[in-house]
Amino acid sequence: MSTTDWAPEACTLPTAEQPLRVAEFDQLFADHLRTVTRVDPTTLELTLAAEAETTTADLTARETECCSFFTFELTPTATHLTLRITVPPAHVAVLDALNTRYG
């Protein structure tokens, strides 16, 4: 899937950098993703390995800078990391694409 298929106009990350960002998320999730749960139409919850906390925090902070419509909530425990991703209703298609790609 090309990032231009689902990256909304609200995303300010330069088009040339979007595949690199997707590759970072792909690598993070390939290495650490345990489960994906669609909580509701605007919320996706991912469980990752606990050791992914620093990488996840850095990547989601950078993503928020260019795609301010995302809300990322990280909840670490001793055994895992929960990443809750929320978007406003206008950006549900982006969450749908993430769910399809990683779910």
PDB file of N, CA and C in Angstrom:
ATOM      1  N   MET A   1       0.854  -1.176   0.000  1.00  0.00           N
ATOM      2  CA  MET A   1       0.000   0.000   0.000  1.00  0.00           C
ATOM      3  C   MET A   1       0.891   1.227   0.000  1.00  0.00           C
ATOM      4  N   SER A   2       0.601   2.136  -0.861  1.00  0.00           N
ATOM      5  CA  SER A   2       1.315   3.408  -0.904  1.00  0.00           C
ATOM      6  C   SER A   2       0.751   4.331   0.155  1.00  0.00           C
ATOM      7  N   THR A   3       1.632   5.119   0.787  1.00  0.00           N
ATOM      8  CA  THR A   3       1.135   6.039   1.808  1.00  0.00           C
ATOM      9  C   THR A   3       0.230   7.086   1.210  1.00  0.00           C
ATOM     10  N   THR A   4       0.403   7.406  -0.051  1.00  0.00           N
ATOM     11  CA  THR A   4      -0.458   8.412  -0.668  1.00  0.00           C
ATOM     12  C   THR A   4      -1.874   7.885  -0.871  1.00  0.00           C
ATOM     13  N   ASP A   5      -2.070   6.579  -0.703  1.00  0.00           N
ATOM     14  CA  ASP A   5      -3.417   6.017  -0.805  1.00  0.00           C
ATOM     15  C   ASP A   5      -4.290   6.436   0.367  1.00  0.00           C
ATOM     16  N   TRP A   6      -3.674   6.731   1.503  1.00  0.00           N
ATOM     17  CA  TRP A   6      -4.477   7.007   2.692  1.00  0.00           C
ATOM     18  C   TRP A   6      -3.991   8.168   3.534  1.00  0.00           C
ATOM     19  N   ALA A   7      -2.846   8.744   3.230  1.00  0.00           N
ATOM     20  CA  ALA A   7      -2.371   9.898   4.005  1.00  0.00           C
ATOM     21  C   ALA A   7      -3.238  11.106   3.647  1.00  0.00           C
ATOM     22  N   PRO A   8      -3.907  11.696   4.624  1.00  0.00           N
ATOM     23  CA  PRO A   8      -4.798  12.825   4.330  1.00  0.00           C
ATOM     24  C   PRO A   8      -4.013  14.106   4.062  1.00  0.00           C
ATOM     25  N   GLU A   9      -4.690  15.067   3.478  1.00  0.00           N
ATOM     26  CA  GLU A   9      -4.066  16.356   3.202  1.00  0.00           C
ATOM     27  C   GLU A   9      -3.593  17.041   4.476  1.00  0.00           C
ATOM     28  N   ALA A  10      -4.177  16.700   5.611  1.00  0.00           N
ATOM     29  CA  ALA A  10      -3.782  17.298   6.885  1.00  0.00           C
ATOM     30  C   ALA A  10      -2.372  16.879   7.307  1.00  0.00           C
ATOM     31  N   CYS A  11      -1.823  15.865   6.678  1.00  0.00           N
ATOM     32  CA  CYS A  11      -0.469  15.406   6.993  1.00  0.00           C
ATOM     33  C   CYS A  11       0.531  16.364   6.354  1.00  0.00           C
ATOM     34  N   THR A  12       1.436  16.901   7.179  1.00  0.00           N
ATOM     35  CA  THR A  12       2.414  17.860   6.678  1.00  0.00           C
ATOM     36  C   THR A  12       3.790  17.235   6.437  1.00  0.00           C
ATOM     37  N   LEU A  13       3.924  15.931   6.651  1.00  0.00           N
ATOM     38  CA  LEU A  13       5.187  15.261   6.350  1.00  0.00           C
ATOM     39  C   LEU A  13       5.390  15.311   4.844  1.00  0.00           C
ATOM     40  N   PRO A  14       6.542  15.767   4.384  1.00  0.00           N
ATOM     41  CA  PRO A  14       6.764  15.822   2.936  1.00  0.00           C
ATOM     42  C   PRO A  14       6.534  14.458   2.279  1.00  0.00           C
ATOM     43  N   THR A  15       5.924  14.464   1.133  1.00  0.00           N
ATOM     44  CA  THR A  15       5.560  13.234   0.430  1.00  0.00           C
ATOM     45  C   THR A  15       6.746  12.289   0.294  1.00  0.00           C
ATOM     46  N   ALA A  16       7.909  12.823  -0.004  1.00  0.00           N
ATOM     47  CA  ALA A  16       9.100  11.987  -0.179  1.00  0.00           C
ATOM     48  C   ALA A  16       9.490  11.269   1.109  1.00  0.00           C
ATOM     49  N   GLU A  17       9.139  11.819   2.263  1.00  0.00           N
ATOM     50  CA  GLU A  17       9.490  11.206   3.545  1.00  0.00           C
ATOM     51  C   GLU A  17       8.439  10.213   4.044  1.00  0.00           C
ATOM     52  N   GLN A  18       7.243  10.240   3.476  1.00  0.00           N
ATOM     53  CA  GLN A  18       6.171   9.370   3.951  1.00  0.00           C
ATOM     54  C   GLN A  18       6.513   7.884   3.863  1.00  0.00           C
ATOM     55  N   PRO A  19       7.115   7.393   2.772  1.00  0.00           N
ATOM     56  CA  PRO A  19       7.466   5.962   2.755  1.00  0.00           C
ATOM     57  C   PRO A  19       8.480   5.585   3.834  1.00  0.00           C
ATOM     58  N   LEU A  20       9.370   6.506   4.170  1.00  0.00           N
ATOM     59  CA  LEU A  20      10.348   6.235   5.224  1.00  0.00           C
ATOM     60  C   LEU A  20       9.662   6.102   6.579  1.00  0.00           C
ATOM     61  N   ARG A  21       8.679   6.961   6.826  1.00  0.00           N
ATOM     62  CA  ARG A  21       7.936   6.894   8.089  1.00  0.00           C
ATOM     63  C   ARG A  21       7.134   5.602   8.159  1.00  0.00           C
ATOM     64  N   VAL A  22       6.499   5.235   7.071  1.00  0.00           N
ATOM     65  CA  VAL A  22       5.750   3.976   7.047  1.00  0.00           C
ATOM     66  C   VAL A  22       6.691   2.805   7.318  1.00  0.00           C
ATOM     67  N   ALA A  23       7.883   2.857   6.751  1.00  0.00           N
ATOM     68  CA  ALA A  23       8.858   1.787   6.975  1.00  0.00           C
ATOM     69  C   ALA A  23       9.253   1.705   8.451  1.00  0.00           C
ATOM     70  N   GLU A  24       9.349   2.853   9.118  1.00  0.00           N
ATOM     71  CA  GLU A  24       9.655   2.846  10.555  1.00  0.00           C
ATOM     72  C   GLU A  24       8.547   2.160  11.342  1.00  0.00           C
ATOM     73  N   PHE A  25       7.295   2.496  11.025  1.00  0.00           N
ATOM     74  CA  PHE A  25       6.171   1.844  11.702  1.00  0.00           C
ATOM     75  C   PHE A  25       6.139   0.357  11.357  1.00  0.00           C
ATOM     76  N   ASP A  26       6.367   0.021  10.080  1.00  0.00           N
ATOM     77  CA  ASP A  26       6.384  -1.389   9.681  1.00  0.00           C
ATOM     78  C   ASP A  26       7.410  -2.168  10.495  1.00  0.00           C
ATOM     79  N   GLN A  27       8.605  -1.604  10.663  1.00  0.00           N
ATOM     80  CA  GLN A  27       9.655  -2.293  11.403  1.00  0.00           C
ATOM     81  C   GLN A  27       9.294  -2.422  12.889  1.00  0.00           C
ATOM     82  N   LEU A  28       8.796  -1.336  13.464  1.00  0.00           N
ATOM     83  CA  LEU A  28       8.376  -1.375  14.864  1.00  0.00           C
ATOM     84  C   LEU A  28       7.347  -2.478  15.090  1.00  0.00           C
ATOM     85  N   PHE A  29       6.336  -2.513  14.230  1.00  0.00           N
ATOM     86  CA  PHE A  29       5.269  -3.484  14.421  1.00  0.00           C
ATOM     87  C   PHE A  29       5.706  -4.904  14.058  1.00  0.00           C
ATOM     88  N   ALA A  30       6.582  -5.048  13.068  1.00  0.00           N
ATOM     89  CA  ALA A  30       7.093  -6.383  12.730  1.00  0.00           C
ATOM     90  C   ALA A  30       7.880  -6.965  13.903  1.00  0.00           C
ATOM     91  N   ASP A  31       8.621  -6.104  14.587  1.00  0.00           N
ATOM     92  CA  ASP A  31       9.463  -6.557  15.694  1.00  0.00           C
ATOM     93  C   ASP A  31       8.726  -6.717  17.023  1.00  0.00           C
ATOM     94  N   HIS A  32       7.684  -5.898  17.249  1.00  0.00           N
ATOM     95  CA  HIS A  32       7.141  -5.816  18.603  1.00  0.00           C
ATOM     96  C   HIS A  32       5.626  -5.955  18.745  1.00  0.00           C
ATOM     97  N   LEU A  33       4.871  -5.921  17.673  1.00  0.00           N
ATOM     98  CA  LEU A  33       3.409  -5.949  17.775  1.00  0.00           C
ATOM     99  C   LEU A  33       2.909  -7.319  18.211  1.00  0.00           C
ATOM    100  N   ARG A  34       2.021  -7.308  19.201  1.00  0.00           N
ATOM    101  CA  ARG A  34       1.431  -8.547  19.716  1.00  0.00           C
ATOM    102  C   ARG A  34      -0.038  -8.683  19.299  1.00  0.00           C
ATOM    103  N   THR A  35      -0.831  -7.632  19.535  1.00  0.00           N
ATOM    104  CA  THR A  35      -2.250  -7.685  19.172  1.00  0.00           C
ATOM    105  C   THR A  35      -2.723  -6.321  18.686  1.00  0.00           C
ATOM    106  N   VAL A  36      -3.808  -6.356  17.917  1.00  0.00           N
ATOM    107  CA  VAL A  36      -4.472  -5.142  17.439  1.00  0.00           C
ATOM    108  C   VAL A  36      -5.956  -5.310  17.728  1.00  0.00           C
ATOM    109  N   THR A  37      -6.546  -4.308  18.367  1.00  0.00           N
ATOM    110  CA  THR A  37      -7.974  -4.343  18.683  1.00  0.00           C
ATOM    111  C   THR A  37      -8.613  -3.056  18.214  1.00  0.00           C
ATOM    112  N   ARG A  38      -9.671  -3.165  17.428  1.00  0.00           N
ATOM    113  CA  ARG A  38     -10.435  -1.982  17.023  1.00  0.00           C
ATOM    114  C   ARG A  38     -11.456  -1.730  18.121  1.00  0.00           C
ATOM    115  N   VAL A  39     -11.222  -0.732  18.936  1.00  0.00           N
ATOM    116  CA  VAL A  39     -12.065  -0.428  20.084  1.00  0.00           C
ATOM    117  C   VAL A  39     -13.393   0.152  19.630  1.00  0.00           C
ATOM    118  N   ASP A  40     -13.325   1.088  18.697  1.00  0.00           N
ATOM    119  CA  ASP A  40     -14.508   1.714  18.104  1.00  0.00           C
ATOM    120  C   ASP A  40     -14.051   2.360  16.799  1.00  0.00           C
ATOM    121  N   PRO A  41     -14.945   2.977  16.035  1.00  0.00           N
ATOM    122  CA  PRO A  41     -14.537   3.512  14.723  1.00  0.00           C
ATOM    123  C   PRO A  41     -13.372   4.503  14.763  1.00  0.00           C
ATOM    124  N   THR A  42     -13.187   5.201  15.877  1.00  0.00           N
ATOM    125  CA  THR A  42     -12.131   6.207  15.939  1.00  0.00           C
ATOM    126  C   THR A  42     -10.944   5.813  16.821  1.00  0.00           C
ATOM    127  N   THR A  43     -10.931   4.568  17.298  1.00  0.00           N
ATOM    128  CA  THR A  43      -9.884   4.147  18.232  1.00  0.00           C
ATOM    129  C   THR A  43      -9.353   2.764  17.887  1.00  0.00           C
ATOM    130  N   LEU A  44      -8.029   2.673  17.848  1.00  0.00           N
ATOM    131  CA  LEU A  44      -7.329   1.420  17.615  1.00  0.00           C
ATOM    132  C   LEU A  44      -6.373   1.217  18.791  1.00  0.00           C
ATOM    133  N   GLU A  45      -6.341   0.014  19.326  1.00  0.00           N
ATOM    134  CA  GLU A  45      -5.454  -0.263  20.454  1.00  0.00           C
ATOM    135  C   GLU A  45      -4.506  -1.385  20.065  1.00  0.00           C
ATOM    136  N   LEU A  46      -3.213  -1.116  20.232  1.00  0.00           N
ATOM    137  CA  LEU A  46      -2.183  -2.075  19.881  1.00  0.00           C
ATOM    138  C   LEU A  46      -1.410  -2.464  21.139  1.00  0.00           C
ATOM    139  N   THR A  47      -1.078  -3.727  21.236  1.00  0.00           N
ATOM    140  CA  THR A  47      -0.233  -4.208  22.324  1.00  0.00           C
ATOM    141  C   THR A  47       1.108  -4.564  21.717  1.00  0.00           C
ATOM    142  N   LEU A  48       2.154  -3.985  22.297  1.00  0.00           N
ATOM    143  CA  LEU A  48       3.511  -4.216  21.832  1.00  0.00           C
ATOM    144  C   LEU A  48       4.350  -4.768  22.971  1.00  0.00           C
ATOM    145  N   ALA A  49       5.512  -5.302  22.625  1.00  0.00           N
ATOM    146  CA  ALA A  49       6.451  -5.759  23.639  1.00  0.00           C
ATOM    147  C   ALA A  49       6.914  -4.572  24.473  1.00  0.00           C
ATOM    148  N   ALA A  50       7.137  -4.796  25.745  1.00  0.00           N
ATOM    149  CA  ALA A  50       7.511  -3.719  26.669  1.00  0.00           C
ATOM    150  C   ALA A  50       8.773  -2.993  26.233  1.00  0.00           C
ATOM    151  N   GLU A  51       9.712  -3.709  25.642  1.00  0.00           N
ATOM    152  CA  GLU A  51      10.979  -3.083  25.247  1.00  0.00           C
ATOM    153  C   GLU A  51      10.837  -2.093  24.082  1.00  0.00           C
ATOM    154  N   ALA A  52       9.665  -1.994  23.510  1.00  0.00           N
ATOM    155  CA  ALA A  52       9.431  -1.064  22.402  1.00  0.00           C
ATOM    156  C   ALA A  52       9.045   0.338  22.875  1.00  0.00           C
ATOM    157  N   GLU A  53       9.024   0.578  24.171  1.00  0.00           N
ATOM    158  CA  GLU A  53       8.510   1.844  24.690  1.00  0.00           C
ATOM    159  C   GLU A  53       9.269   3.068  24.156  1.00  0.00           C
ATOM    160  N   THR A  54      10.579   3.066  24.211  1.00  0.00           N
ATOM    161  CA  THR A  54      11.354   4.233  23.776  1.00  0.00           C
ATOM    162  C   THR A  54      11.165   4.498  22.288  1.00  0.00           C
ATOM    163  N   THR A  55      11.259   3.471  21.480  1.00  0.00           N
ATOM    164  CA  THR A  55      11.080   3.617  20.032  1.00  0.00           C
ATOM    165  C   THR A  55       9.674   4.096  19.705  1.00  0.00           C
ATOM    166  N   THR A  56       8.679   3.518  20.367  1.00  0.00           N
ATOM    167  CA  THR A  56       7.289   3.899  20.120  1.00  0.00           C
ATOM    168  C   THR A  56       7.037   5.341  20.521  1.00  0.00           C
ATOM    169  N   ALA A  57       7.558   5.752  21.658  1.00  0.00           N
ATOM    170  CA  ALA A  57       7.381   7.138  22.119  1.00  0.00           C
ATOM    171  C   ALA A  57       8.007   8.121  21.135  1.00  0.00           C
ATOM    172  N   ASP A  58       9.200   7.817  20.656  1.00  0.00           N
ATOM    173  CA  ASP A  58       9.875   8.692  19.697  1.00  0.00           C
ATOM    174  C   ASP A  58       9.104   8.768  18.383  1.00  0.00           C
ATOM    175  N   LEU A  59       8.713   7.629  17.858  1.00  0.00           N
ATOM    176  CA  LEU A  59       8.030   7.585  16.571  1.00  0.00           C
ATOM    177  C   LEU A  59       6.664   8.259  16.630  1.00  0.00           C
ATOM    178  N   THR A  60       5.906   8.022  17.682  1.00  0.00           N
ATOM    179  CA  THR A  60       4.587   8.651  17.778  1.00  0.00           C
ATOM    180  C   THR A  60       4.701  10.149  18.017  1.00  0.00           C
ATOM    181  N   ALA A  61       5.738  10.589  18.724  1.00  0.00           N
ATOM    182  CA  ALA A  61       5.945  12.033  18.910  1.00  0.00           C
ATOM    183  C   ALA A  61       6.235  12.697  17.568  1.00  0.00           C
ATOM    184  N   ARG A  62       7.074  12.081  16.766  1.00  0.00           N
ATOM    185  CA  ARG A  62       7.367  12.644  15.445  1.00  0.00           C
ATOM    186  C   ARG A  62       6.147  12.615  14.532  1.00  0.00           C
ATOM    187  N   GLU A  63       5.348  11.573  14.654  1.00  0.00           N
ATOM    188  CA  GLU A  63       4.140  11.477  13.824  1.00  0.00           C
ATOM    189  C   GLU A  63       3.129  12.545  14.212  1.00  0.00           C
ATOM    190  N   THR A  64       3.020  12.843  15.483  1.00  0.00           N
ATOM    191  CA  THR A  64       2.100  13.880  15.939  1.00  0.00           C
ATOM    192  C   THR A  64       2.498  15.250  15.399  1.00  0.00           C
ATOM    193  N   GLU A  65       3.801  15.475  15.209  1.00  0.00           N
ATOM    194  CA  GLU A  65       4.266  16.756  14.674  1.00  0.00           C
ATOM    195  C   GLU A  65       3.744  17.019  13.263  1.00  0.00           C
ATOM    196  N   CYS A  66       3.607  15.973  12.460  1.00  0.00           N
ATOM    197  CA  CYS A  66       3.169  16.178  11.078  1.00  0.00           C
ATOM    198  C   CYS A  66       1.699  15.827  10.864  1.00  0.00           C
ATOM    199  N   CYS A  67       1.152  15.018  11.722  1.00  0.00           N
ATOM    200  CA  CYS A  67      -0.250  14.599  11.606  1.00  0.00           C
ATOM    201  C   CYS A  67      -0.929  14.863  12.943  1.00  0.00           C
ATOM    202  N   SER A  68      -1.240  16.111  13.182  1.00  0.00           N
ATOM    203  CA  SER A  68      -1.745  16.522  14.493  1.00  0.00           C
ATOM    204  C   SER A  68      -3.130  15.964  14.814  1.00  0.00           C
ATOM    205  N   PHE A  69      -3.785  15.361  13.856  1.00  0.00           N
ATOM    206  CA  PHE A  69      -5.106  14.783  14.119  1.00  0.00           C
ATOM    207  C   PHE A  69      -5.007  13.489  14.923  1.00  0.00           C
ATOM    208  N   PHE A  70      -3.823  12.866  14.969  1.00  0.00           N
ATOM    209  CA  PHE A  70      -3.631  11.654  15.763  1.00  0.00           C
ATOM    210  C   PHE A  70      -3.495  11.998  17.242  1.00  0.00           C
ATOM    211  N   THR A  71      -4.082  11.156  18.084  1.00  0.00           N
ATOM    212  CA  THR A  71      -3.790  11.171  19.515  1.00  0.00           C
ATOM    213  C   THR A  71      -3.220   9.805  19.837  1.00  0.00           C
ATOM    214  N   PHE A  72      -2.005   9.793  20.374  1.00  0.00           N
ATOM    215  CA  PHE A  72      -1.349   8.560  20.769  1.00  0.00           C
ATOM    216  C   PHE A  72      -1.238   8.541  22.290  1.00  0.00           C
ATOM    217  N   GLU A  73      -1.689   7.454  22.884  1.00  0.00           N
ATOM    218  CA  GLU A  73      -1.591   7.290  24.336  1.00  0.00           C
ATOM    219  C   GLU A  73      -0.803   6.016  24.606  1.00  0.00           C
ATOM    220  N   LEU A  74       0.318   6.158  25.290  1.00  0.00           N
ATOM    221  CA  LEU A  74       1.160   5.015  25.623  1.00  0.00           C
ATOM    222  C   LEU A  74       0.973   4.649  27.091  1.00  0.00           C
ATOM    223  N   THR A  75       0.733   3.361  27.341  1.00  0.00           N
ATOM    224  CA  THR A  75       0.585   2.871  28.700  1.00  0.00           C
ATOM    225  C   THR A  75       1.508   1.673  28.877  1.00  0.00           C
ATOM    226  N   PRO A  76       2.652   1.894  29.530  1.00  0.00           N
ATOM    227  CA  PRO A  76       3.578   0.783  29.745  1.00  0.00           C
ATOM    228  C   PRO A  76       3.236  -0.020  30.995  1.00  0.00           C
ATOM    229  N   THR A  77       3.505  -1.302  30.930  1.00  0.00           N
ATOM    230  CA  THR A  77       3.443  -2.173  32.105  1.00  0.00           C
ATOM    231  C   THR A  77       4.747  -2.967  32.123  1.00  0.00           C
ATOM    232  N   ALA A  78       4.905  -3.818  33.075  1.00  0.00           N
ATOM    233  CA  ALA A  78       6.123  -4.634  33.159  1.00  0.00           C
ATOM    234  C   ALA A  78       6.227  -5.626  32.004  1.00  0.00           C
ATOM    235  N   THR A  79       5.091  -6.023  31.450  1.00  0.00           N
ATOM    236  CA  THR A  79       5.100  -7.078  30.431  1.00  0.00           C
ATOM    237  C   THR A  79       4.809  -6.611  29.014  1.00  0.00           C
ATOM    238  N   HIS A  80       4.205  -5.431  28.861  1.00  0.00           N
ATOM    239  CA  HIS A  80       3.857  -4.974  27.520  1.00  0.00           C
ATOM    240  C   HIS A  80       3.635  -3.465  27.497  1.00  0.00           C
ATOM    241  N   LEU A  81       3.414  -2.964  26.306  1.00  0.00           N
ATOM    242  CA  LEU A  81       3.115  -1.557  26.087  1.00  0.00           C
ATOM    243  C   LEU A  81       1.812  -1.487  25.313  1.00  0.00           C
ATOM    244  N   THR A  82       0.878  -0.678  25.803  1.00  0.00           N
ATOM    245  CA  THR A  82      -0.361  -0.456  25.065  1.00  0.00           C
ATOM    246  C   THR A  82      -0.257   0.882  24.362  1.00  0.00           C
ATOM    247  N   LEU A  83      -0.525   0.870  23.067  1.00  0.00           N
ATOM    248  CA  LEU A  83      -0.555   2.077  22.254  1.00  0.00           C
ATOM    249  C   LEU A  83      -1.984   2.264  21.775  1.00  0.00           C
ATOM    250  N   ARG A  84      -2.626   3.302  22.279  1.00  0.00           N
ATOM    251  CA  ARG A  84      -3.997   3.626  21.875  1.00  0.00           C
ATOM    252  C   ARG A  84      -3.915   4.785  20.886  1.00  0.00           C
ATOM    253  N   ILE A  85      -4.455   4.566  19.702  1.00  0.00           N
ATOM    254  CA  ILE A  85      -4.456   5.578  18.639  1.00  0.00           C
ATOM    255  C   ILE A  85      -5.892   6.030  18.429  1.00  0.00           C
ATOM    256  N   THR A  86      -6.101   7.327  18.530  1.00  0.00           N
ATOM    257  CA  THR A  86      -7.429   7.895  18.338  1.00  0.00           C
ATOM    258  C   THR A  86      -7.349   8.970  17.262  1.00  0.00           C
ATOM    259  N   VAL A  87      -8.387   9.029  16.433  1.00  0.00           N
ATOM    260  CA  VAL A  87      -8.497  10.063  15.401  1.00  0.00           C
ATOM    261  C   VAL A  87      -9.890  10.663  15.455  1.00  0.00           C
ATOM    262  N   PRO A  88     -10.062  11.902  14.980  1.00  0.00           N
ATOM    263  CA  PRO A  88     -11.406  12.456  14.888  1.00  0.00           C
ATOM    264  C   PRO A  88     -12.185  11.744  13.776  1.00  0.00           C
ATOM    265  N   PRO A  89     -13.500  11.815  13.821  1.00  0.00           N
ATOM    266  CA  PRO A  89     -14.325  11.121  12.825  1.00  0.00           C
ATOM    267  C   PRO A  89     -13.936  11.433  11.377  1.00  0.00           C
ATOM    268  N   ALA A  90     -13.464  12.611  11.100  1.00  0.00           N
ATOM    269  CA  ALA A  90     -13.091  12.979   9.724  1.00  0.00           C
ATOM    270  C   ALA A  90     -11.902  12.173   9.211  1.00  0.00           C
ATOM    271  N   HIS A  91     -11.156  11.525  10.112  1.00  0.00           N
ATOM    272  CA  HIS A  91      -9.961  10.780   9.706  1.00  0.00           C
ATOM    273  C   HIS A  91     -10.062   9.283   9.985  1.00  0.00           C
ATOM    274  N   VAL A  92     -11.270   8.768  10.057  1.00  0.00           N
ATOM    275  CA  VAL A  92     -11.472   7.340  10.302  1.00  0.00           C
ATOM    276  C   VAL A  92     -10.842   6.501   9.195  1.00  0.00           C
ATOM    277  N   ALA A  93     -10.809   6.999   7.974  1.00  0.00           N
ATOM    278  CA  ALA A  93     -10.212   6.240   6.864  1.00  0.00           C
ATOM    279  C   ALA A  93      -8.738   5.956   7.115  1.00  0.00           C
ATOM    280  N   VAL A  94      -8.052   6.861   7.779  1.00  0.00           N
ATOM    281  CA  VAL A  94      -6.640   6.638   8.102  1.00  0.00           C
ATOM    282  C   VAL A  94      -6.520   5.501   9.113  1.00  0.00           C
ATOM    283  N   LEU A  95      -7.378   5.502  10.107  1.00  0.00           N
ATOM    284  CA  LEU A  95      -7.371   4.432  11.099  1.00  0.00           C
ATOM    285  C   LEU A  95      -7.763   3.102  10.456  1.00  0.00           C
ATOM    286  N   ASP A  96      -8.708   3.147   9.531  1.00  0.00           N
ATOM    287  CA  ASP A  96      -9.085   1.941   8.783  1.00  0.00           C
ATOM    288  C   ASP A  96      -7.869   1.365   8.054  1.00  0.00           C
ATOM    289  N   ALA A  97      -7.092   2.248   7.419  1.00  0.00           N
ATOM    290  CA  ALA A  97      -5.905   1.800   6.684  1.00  0.00           C
ATOM    291  C   ALA A  97      -4.862   1.201   7.623  1.00  0.00           C
ATOM    292  N   LEU A  98      -4.672   1.816   8.785  1.00  0.00           N
ATOM    293  CA  LEU A  98      -3.741   1.268   9.768  1.00  0.00           C
ATOM    294  C   LEU A  98      -4.208  -0.100  10.257  1.00  0.00           C
ATOM    295  N   ASN A  99      -5.489  -0.221  10.510  1.00  0.00           N
ATOM    296  CA  ASN A  99      -6.054  -1.487  10.964  1.00  0.00           C
ATOM    297  C   ASN A  99      -5.877  -2.566   9.899  1.00  0.00           C
ATOM    298  N   THR A 100      -6.088  -2.216   8.651  1.00  0.00           N
ATOM    299  CA  THR A 100      -5.915  -3.171   7.561  1.00  0.00           C
ATOM    300  C   THR A 100      -4.444  -3.566   7.417  1.00  0.00           C
ATOM    301  N   ARG A 101      -3.568  -2.592   7.506  1.00  0.00           N
ATOM    302  CA  ARG A 101      -2.127  -2.858   7.314  1.00  0.00           C
ATOM    303  C   ARG A 101      -1.536  -3.689   8.453  1.00  0.00           C
ATOM    304  N   TYR A 102      -1.901  -3.389   9.679  1.00  0.00           N
ATOM    305  CA  TYR A 102      -1.256  -4.027  10.826  1.00  0.00           C
ATOM    306  C   TYR A 102      -2.144  -5.010  11.583  1.00  0.00           C
ATOM    307  N   GLY A 103      -3.446  -4.954  11.339  1.00  0.00           N
ATOM    308  CA  GLY A 103      -4.376  -5.809  12.068  1.00  0.00           C
ATOM    309  C   GLY A 103      -4.436  -7.157  11.506  1.00  0.00           C
TER     310      GLY A 103
END
